[in-house]
Each structure stands twice: as structure tokens, then as C-alpha cells.
Amino acid sequence: MARTVPQGKTVKESGSRNAPGAPPLSGWARAMAMLLAFAGTVVFAVLLARLTLEPSAASESLTHSNLRPGDSIRDYLAQPAFRDTVKQLGGNIVLGLPFGMLLPVLVPRARGLVRVIVVTALVMLLVELAQGMLVTGRAFDVDDVLLNTTGAVLGYLLVGRRLGRAVHPRRRHWWHRFTKRPNATR
């Protein structure tokens, strides 16, 4: 799209302020995306509760809390059962993926890598605290919080950032009035 400037010259405009190649969604498409993200979040919350907050009486004697980052990860990597290592470490990373993908769609103010990290870490910290204090056979593990947050970062970088920008286009804030864009003239 071109616009005419006072001297009669034309200036190319970039059009959308979204990610390159990602036009904003129409009103009904945005509503549908939000509805699907909400449904996905509900399914994720149920799955998260089932995986982390169900009692495990069989493993009660095996559980111990881990407050030192990296200890559980090192223990799993040192064990001979590779399948258990992948299941534990990979499972915790996969469990964080939905946060990074759905959070920017559901909560526009939570868009951005740092915000996704902070929100995910806080939610997973609460889950781990509840798990350690209230659930038989489960314990608090700081490494689970780190792995879940890593998964959220991956989800955000792979999908969440684009989804968030498509559903919630960037706004022009009040402080943008004071920044000048250079006009490209031909």
C-alpha cells in the first residue's frame, strides 16, 4: 500500500504491524481461536492435575524433595534405564509446552518470552508445592519446575509467539507518539 506525502512523493507502508506474513485474524476467527485455546487449557489443566496431583502410595517410600537445581536431572541421566530418563525428563518438558503455546493466546498481557517464563515458573512452582505438601507419594522437585518452564519456552518460540500475534495484533501504545519512524522517500 502506498500513501501520498505532501510533496507528491509516495511512501511504501508496511501494512500490518504483525509478524511478517501473518495477517491479523478476523473477529470470528479470533473468537474461535480464543475458544479453542480455552478448551485446550481446560484439557491441559485436567491432564496436569491427573499426572501431578494423584496420590502414589506405591512410591511413597521412594520420594524425596529436591531443592537443589540439577540434582534430579543428574540422577536421571546417570541411571542405566534410558527409557525412564526420557520419560521423566522429556515428560516434564512436554508438560510445559502447552503453557508456551496457549498463554499468549488466552492472556495478551502475558505475551513475551520473559512473561511466559515467569507465569509458567510460578504456576509450576505452585503445582510442585501442592504436590509436595498434599499428595501422598509425591514430592517437591525444583528440577520439574525448570523442565516445565523449558518446555513452555520451546512452545512459545515454536508456536505461541505466532499464535499470540495472530490473535492479538500489536497495539500502538501512547509512548509510540514520541518515536519517529523514518520516512522512505523515492
C-alpha atoms as a PDB file:
ATOM      1  CA  MET A   1       0.000   0.000   0.000  1.00  0.00           C
ATOM      2  CA  ALA A   2       1.368   3.436  -0.838  1.00  0.00           C
ATOM      3  CA  ARG A   3       0.363   6.789   0.551  1.00  0.00           C
ATOM      4  CA  THR A   4       0.968  10.261  -0.777  1.00  0.00           C
ATOM      5  CA  VAL A   5       3.071  12.665   1.226  1.00  0.00           C
ATOM      6  CA  PRO A   6       2.700  16.476   0.926  1.00  0.00           C
ATOM      7  CA  GLN A   7       5.401  16.881  -1.749  1.00  0.00           C
ATOM      8  CA  GLY A   8       3.590  14.459  -4.050  1.00  0.00           C
ATOM      9  CA  LYS A   9       6.044  11.610  -3.467  1.00  0.00           C
ATOM     10  CA  THR A  10       4.837   8.189  -2.450  1.00  0.00           C
ATOM     11  CA  VAL A  11       5.966   6.208   0.556  1.00  0.00           C
ATOM     12  CA  LYS A  12       5.606   2.467   0.893  1.00  0.00           C
ATOM     13  CA  GLU A  13       3.826   1.381   4.087  1.00  0.00           C
ATOM     14  CA  SER A  14       4.410  -1.970   5.656  1.00  0.00           C
ATOM     15  CA  GLY A  15       0.690  -2.616   6.196  1.00  0.00           C
ATOM     16  CA  SER A  16       0.169  -4.820   9.252  1.00  0.00           C
ATOM     17  CA  ARG A  17       2.233  -4.474  12.392  1.00  0.00           C
ATOM     18  CA  ASN A  18       2.016  -8.219  12.996  1.00  0.00           C
ATOM     19  CA  ALA A  19       4.695 -10.769  12.391  1.00  0.00           C
ATOM     20  CA  PRO A  20       5.831 -10.818   8.768  1.00  0.00           C
ATOM     21  CA  GLY A  21       3.437 -12.874   6.687  1.00  0.00           C
ATOM     22  CA  ALA A  22       0.879 -13.191   9.499  1.00  0.00           C
ATOM     23  CA  PRO A  23      -2.167 -11.009   8.845  1.00  0.00           C
ATOM     24  CA  PRO A  24      -4.439 -10.378  11.827  1.00  0.00           C
ATOM     25  CA  LEU A  25      -7.376 -12.709  12.228  1.00  0.00           C
ATOM     26  CA  SER A  26     -10.918 -11.530  11.609  1.00  0.00           C
ATOM     27  CA  GLY A  27     -13.304 -11.117  14.531  1.00  0.00           C
ATOM     28  CA  TRP A  28     -14.921 -14.563  14.308  1.00  0.00           C
ATOM     29  CA  ALA A  29     -11.570 -16.278  13.715  1.00  0.00           C
ATOM     30  CA  ARG A  30     -10.135 -14.557  16.805  1.00  0.00           C
ATOM     31  CA  ALA A  31     -13.126 -15.675  18.872  1.00  0.00           C
ATOM     32  CA  MET A  32     -12.764 -19.233  17.584  1.00  0.00           C
ATOM     33  CA  ALA A  33      -9.021 -19.242  18.309  1.00  0.00           C
ATOM     34  CA  MET A  34      -9.679 -17.982  21.841  1.00  0.00           C
ATOM     35  CA  LEU A  35     -12.372 -20.634  22.365  1.00  0.00           C
ATOM     36  CA  LEU A  36     -10.062 -23.397  21.136  1.00  0.00           C
ATOM     37  CA  ALA A  37      -7.221 -22.107  23.315  1.00  0.00           C
ATOM     38  CA  PHE A  38      -9.549 -22.044  26.325  1.00  0.00           C
ATOM     39  CA  ALA A  39     -10.707 -25.609  25.620  1.00  0.00           C
ATOM     40  CA  GLY A  40      -7.079 -26.678  25.207  1.00  0.00           C
ATOM     41  CA  THR A  41      -6.209 -25.057  28.522  1.00  0.00           C
ATOM     42  CA  VAL A  42      -9.036 -26.894  30.298  1.00  0.00           C
ATOM     43  CA  VAL A  43      -7.883 -30.216  28.829  1.00  0.00           C
ATOM     44  CA  PHE A  44      -4.302 -29.383  29.803  1.00  0.00           C
ATOM     45  CA  ALA A  45      -5.332 -28.471  33.370  1.00  0.00           C
ATOM     46  CA  VAL A  46      -7.176 -31.782  33.788  1.00  0.00           C
ATOM     47  CA  LEU A  47      -4.201 -33.696  32.401  1.00  0.00           C
ATOM     48  CA  LEU A  48      -1.790 -31.762  34.611  1.00  0.00           C
ATOM     49  CA  ALA A  49      -3.890 -32.487  37.701  1.00  0.00           C
ATOM     50  CA  ARG A  50      -4.120 -36.188  36.859  1.00  0.00           C
ATOM     51  CA  LEU A  51      -0.395 -36.518  36.235  1.00  0.00           C
ATOM     52  CA  THR A  52       0.854 -34.499  39.164  1.00  0.00           C
ATOM     53  CA  LEU A  53      -1.771 -34.461  41.900  1.00  0.00           C
ATOM     54  CA  GLU A  54      -2.911 -38.097  42.051  1.00  0.00           C
ATOM     55  CA  PRO A  55      -1.590 -39.980  45.075  1.00  0.00           C
ATOM     56  CA  SER A  56       1.012 -42.665  44.507  1.00  0.00           C
ATOM     57  CA  ALA A  57       1.119 -44.833  47.624  1.00  0.00           C
ATOM     58  CA  ALA A  58       3.411 -47.340  45.913  1.00  0.00           C
ATOM     59  CA  SER A  59       6.200 -44.797  45.572  1.00  0.00           C
ATOM     60  CA  GLU A  60       5.782 -43.173  48.989  1.00  0.00           C
ATOM     61  CA  SER A  61       8.985 -44.699  50.364  1.00  0.00           C
ATOM     62  CA  LEU A  62      10.949 -43.648  47.257  1.00  0.00           C
ATOM     63  CA  THR A  63      10.021 -39.965  47.232  1.00  0.00           C
ATOM     64  CA  HIS A  64      12.249 -37.197  48.481  1.00  0.00           C
ATOM     65  CA  SER A  65      12.157 -33.459  47.933  1.00  0.00           C
ATOM     66  CA  ASN A  66      14.767 -31.811  45.763  1.00  0.00           C
ATOM     67  CA  LEU A  67      15.604 -28.185  46.420  1.00  0.00           C
ATOM     68  CA  ARG A  68      18.922 -28.147  44.540  1.00  0.00           C
ATOM     69  CA  PRO A  69      18.594 -27.359  40.825  1.00  0.00           C
ATOM     70  CA  GLY A  70      20.089 -30.047  38.636  1.00  0.00           C
ATOM     71  CA  ASP A  71      20.226 -32.875  41.199  1.00  0.00           C
ATOM     72  CA  SER A  72      17.262 -34.851  39.847  1.00  0.00           C
ATOM     73  CA  ILE A  73      18.319 -34.240  36.256  1.00  0.00           C
ATOM     74  CA  ARG A  74      21.822 -35.583  37.017  1.00  0.00           C
ATOM     75  CA  ASP A  75      20.333 -38.596  38.818  1.00  0.00           C
ATOM     76  CA  TYR A  76      18.105 -39.464  35.865  1.00  0.00           C
ATOM     77  CA  LEU A  77      20.936 -39.026  33.369  1.00  0.00           C
ATOM     78  CA  ALA A  78      23.215 -41.256  35.474  1.00  0.00           C
ATOM     79  CA  GLN A  79      20.780 -44.168  35.730  1.00  0.00           C
ATOM     80  CA  PRO A  80      21.117 -47.062  33.271  1.00  0.00           C
ATOM     81  CA  ALA A  81      17.425 -47.133  32.257  1.00  0.00           C
ATOM     82  CA  PHE A  82      17.407 -44.721  29.305  1.00  0.00           C
ATOM     83  CA  ARG A  83      13.664 -45.142  28.800  1.00  0.00           C
ATOM     84  CA  ASP A  84      12.925 -43.895  32.337  1.00  0.00           C
ATOM     85  CA  THR A  85      15.245 -40.943  31.813  1.00  0.00           C
ATOM     86  CA  VAL A  86      13.494 -39.920  28.593  1.00  0.00           C
ATOM     87  CA  LYS A  87      10.095 -40.475  30.187  1.00  0.00           C
ATOM     88  CA  GLN A  88      10.876 -38.319  33.222  1.00  0.00           C
ATOM     89  CA  LEU A  89      12.870 -35.505  31.630  1.00  0.00           C
ATOM     90  CA  GLY A  90      11.026 -35.445  28.304  1.00  0.00           C
ATOM     91  CA  GLY A  91       7.665 -35.768  30.013  1.00  0.00           C
ATOM     92  CA  ASN A  92       8.317 -32.698  32.139  1.00  0.00           C
ATOM     93  CA  ILE A  93       9.394 -30.701  29.090  1.00  0.00           C
ATOM     94  CA  VAL A  94       6.324 -31.829  27.118  1.00  0.00           C
ATOM     95  CA  LEU A  95       4.127 -30.927  30.099  1.00  0.00           C
ATOM     96  CA  GLY A  96       5.297 -27.299  29.806  1.00  0.00           C
ATOM     97  CA  LEU A  97       4.710 -26.945  26.051  1.00  0.00           C
ATOM     98  CA  PRO A  98       1.000 -26.002  26.318  1.00  0.00           C
ATOM     99  CA  PHE A  99       1.833 -23.042  28.557  1.00  0.00           C
ATOM    100  CA  GLY A 100       4.068 -21.526  25.921  1.00  0.00           C
ATOM    101  CA  MET A 101       1.546 -22.156  23.159  1.00  0.00           C
ATOM    102  CA  LEU A 102      -1.726 -21.219  24.876  1.00  0.00           C
ATOM    103  CA  LEU A 103      -0.769 -18.479  27.326  1.00  0.00           C
ATOM    104  CA  PRO A 104      -0.081 -15.798  24.659  1.00  0.00           C
ATOM    105  CA  VAL A 105      -3.469 -16.548  23.059  1.00  0.00           C
ATOM    106  CA  LEU A 106      -5.524 -16.519  26.265  1.00  0.00           C
ATOM    107  CA  VAL A 107      -3.774 -13.689  28.095  1.00  0.00           C
ATOM    108  CA  PRO A 108      -2.462 -10.995  25.727  1.00  0.00           C
ATOM    109  CA  ARG A 109      -0.618  -9.267  28.566  1.00  0.00           C
ATOM    110  CA  ALA A 110       1.351 -12.481  29.129  1.00  0.00           C
ATOM    111  CA  ARG A 111       2.851 -12.295  25.638  1.00  0.00           C
ATOM    112  CA  GLY A 112       6.593 -12.141  25.511  1.00  0.00           C
ATOM    113  CA  LEU A 113       9.284 -14.634  26.397  1.00  0.00           C
ATOM    114  CA  VAL A 114      10.050 -13.270  29.866  1.00  0.00           C
ATOM    115  CA  ARG A 115       6.372 -13.110  30.837  1.00  0.00           C
ATOM    116  CA  VAL A 116       5.755 -16.676  29.653  1.00  0.00           C
ATOM    117  CA  ILE A 117       8.765 -17.834  31.688  1.00  0.00           C
ATOM    118  CA  VAL A 118       7.617 -16.027  34.838  1.00  0.00           C
ATOM    119  CA  VAL A 119       3.974 -17.163  34.638  1.00  0.00           C
ATOM    120  CA  THR A 120       4.917 -20.770  33.855  1.00  0.00           C
ATOM    121  CA  ALA A 121       7.518 -20.910  36.622  1.00  0.00           C
ATOM    122  CA  LEU A 122       5.026 -19.519  39.162  1.00  0.00           C
ATOM    123  CA  VAL A 123       2.226 -21.919  38.167  1.00  0.00           C
ATOM    124  CA  MET A 124       4.539 -24.933  38.138  1.00  0.00           C
ATOM    125  CA  LEU A 125       6.030 -23.869  41.461  1.00  0.00           C
ATOM    126  CA  LEU A 126       2.526 -23.843  42.943  1.00  0.00           C
ATOM    127  CA  VAL A 127       1.815 -27.279  41.458  1.00  0.00           C
ATOM    128  CA  GLU A 128       5.047 -28.681  42.885  1.00  0.00           C
ATOM    129  CA  LEU A 129       4.360 -27.147  46.308  1.00  0.00           C
ATOM    130  CA  ALA A 130       0.861 -28.658  46.360  1.00  0.00           C
ATOM    131  CA  GLN A 131       2.278 -31.943  45.188  1.00  0.00           C
ATOM    132  CA  GLY A 132       4.930 -31.999  47.912  1.00  0.00           C
ATOM    133  CA  MET A 133       2.652 -30.915  50.769  1.00  0.00           C
ATOM    134  CA  LEU A 134      -0.686 -32.515  49.961  1.00  0.00           C
ATOM    135  CA  VAL A 135      -0.224 -35.597  47.800  1.00  0.00           C
ATOM    136  CA  THR A 136       0.859 -38.975  49.166  1.00  0.00           C
ATOM    137  CA  GLY A 137       3.819 -40.444  47.303  1.00  0.00           C
ATOM    138  CA  ARG A 138       4.764 -37.188  45.608  1.00  0.00           C
ATOM    139  CA  ALA A 139       7.486 -34.679  46.463  1.00  0.00           C
ATOM    140  CA  PHE A 140       8.572 -31.158  45.551  1.00  0.00           C
ATOM    141  CA  ASP A 141      11.264 -31.119  42.860  1.00  0.00           C
ATOM    142  CA  VAL A 142      12.722 -27.834  41.638  1.00  0.00           C
ATOM    143  CA  ASP A 143      14.013 -29.595  38.519  1.00  0.00           C
ATOM    144  CA  ASP A 144      10.438 -30.319  37.460  1.00  0.00           C
ATOM    145  CA  VAL A 145       9.753 -26.567  37.554  1.00  0.00           C
ATOM    146  CA  LEU A 146      12.862 -25.914  35.448  1.00  0.00           C
ATOM    147  CA  LEU A 147      11.979 -28.611  32.899  1.00  0.00           C
ATOM    148  CA  ASN A 148       8.342 -27.476  32.647  1.00  0.00           C
ATOM    149  CA  THR A 149       9.493 -23.895  32.111  1.00  0.00           C
ATOM    150  CA  THR A 150      11.925 -25.071  29.428  1.00  0.00           C
ATOM    151  CA  GLY A 151       9.007 -26.752  27.685  1.00  0.00           C
ATOM    152  CA  ALA A 152       6.986 -23.532  27.864  1.00  0.00           C
ATOM    153  CA  VAL A 153       9.876 -21.607  26.286  1.00  0.00           C
ATOM    154  CA  LEU A 154      10.028 -24.130  23.444  1.00  0.00           C
ATOM    155  CA  GLY A 155       6.253 -23.967  22.963  1.00  0.00           C
ATOM    156  CA  TYR A 156       6.354 -20.184  22.902  1.00  0.00           C
ATOM    157  CA  LEU A 157       9.228 -19.974  20.441  1.00  0.00           C
ATOM    158  CA  LEU A 158       7.853 -22.660  18.102  1.00  0.00           C
ATOM    159  CA  VAL A 159       4.136 -21.791  18.080  1.00  0.00           C
ATOM    160  CA  GLY A 160       2.916 -19.484  20.852  1.00  0.00           C
ATOM    161  CA  ARG A 161       4.517 -16.272  19.672  1.00  0.00           C
ATOM    162  CA  ARG A 162       2.978 -16.517  16.213  1.00  0.00           C
ATOM    163  CA  LEU A 163      -0.409 -17.585  17.564  1.00  0.00           C
ATOM    164  CA  GLY A 164      -0.441 -14.753  20.083  1.00  0.00           C
ATOM    165  CA  ARG A 165       0.385 -12.174  17.419  1.00  0.00           C
ATOM    166  CA  ALA A 166      -2.202 -13.561  15.013  1.00  0.00           C
ATOM    167  CA  VAL A 167      -4.977 -13.495  17.610  1.00  0.00           C
ATOM    168  CA  HIS A 168      -3.924 -10.270  19.338  1.00  0.00           C
ATOM    169  CA  PRO A 169      -2.213  -7.856  16.906  1.00  0.00           C
ATOM    170  CA  ARG A 170       0.268  -5.413  18.328  1.00  0.00           C
ATOM    171  CA  ARG A 171      -1.218  -2.181  19.586  1.00  0.00           C
ATOM    172  CA  ARG A 172       0.121   1.277  19.142  1.00  0.00           C
ATOM    173  CA  HIS A 173       0.876   2.490  22.650  1.00  0.00           C
ATOM    174  CA  TRP A 174       0.901   6.084  23.867  1.00  0.00           C
ATOM    175  CA  TRP A 175       4.690   6.206  24.019  1.00  0.00           C
ATOM    176  CA  HIS A 176       4.929   5.459  20.290  1.00  0.00           C
ATOM    177  CA  ARG A 177       3.816   9.058  19.644  1.00  0.00           C
ATOM    178  CA  PHE A 178       7.285  10.193  20.701  1.00  0.00           C
ATOM    179  CA  THR A 179       9.202   7.865  18.431  1.00  0.00           C
ATOM    180  CA  LYS A 180       9.551   8.830  14.824  1.00  0.00           C
ATOM    181  CA  ARG A 181       9.628   6.365  12.005  1.00  0.00           C
ATOM    182  CA  PRO A 182      11.966   7.347   9.189  1.00  0.00           C
ATOM    183  CA  ASN A 183      10.036   8.085   6.000  1.00  0.00           C
ATOM    184  CA  ALA A 184      11.462   6.332   2.996  1.00  0.00           C
ATOM    185  CA  THR A 185      11.019   8.615   0.017  1.00  0.00           C
ATOM    186  CA  ARG A 186      11.656   7.805  -3.600  1.00  0.00           C
END
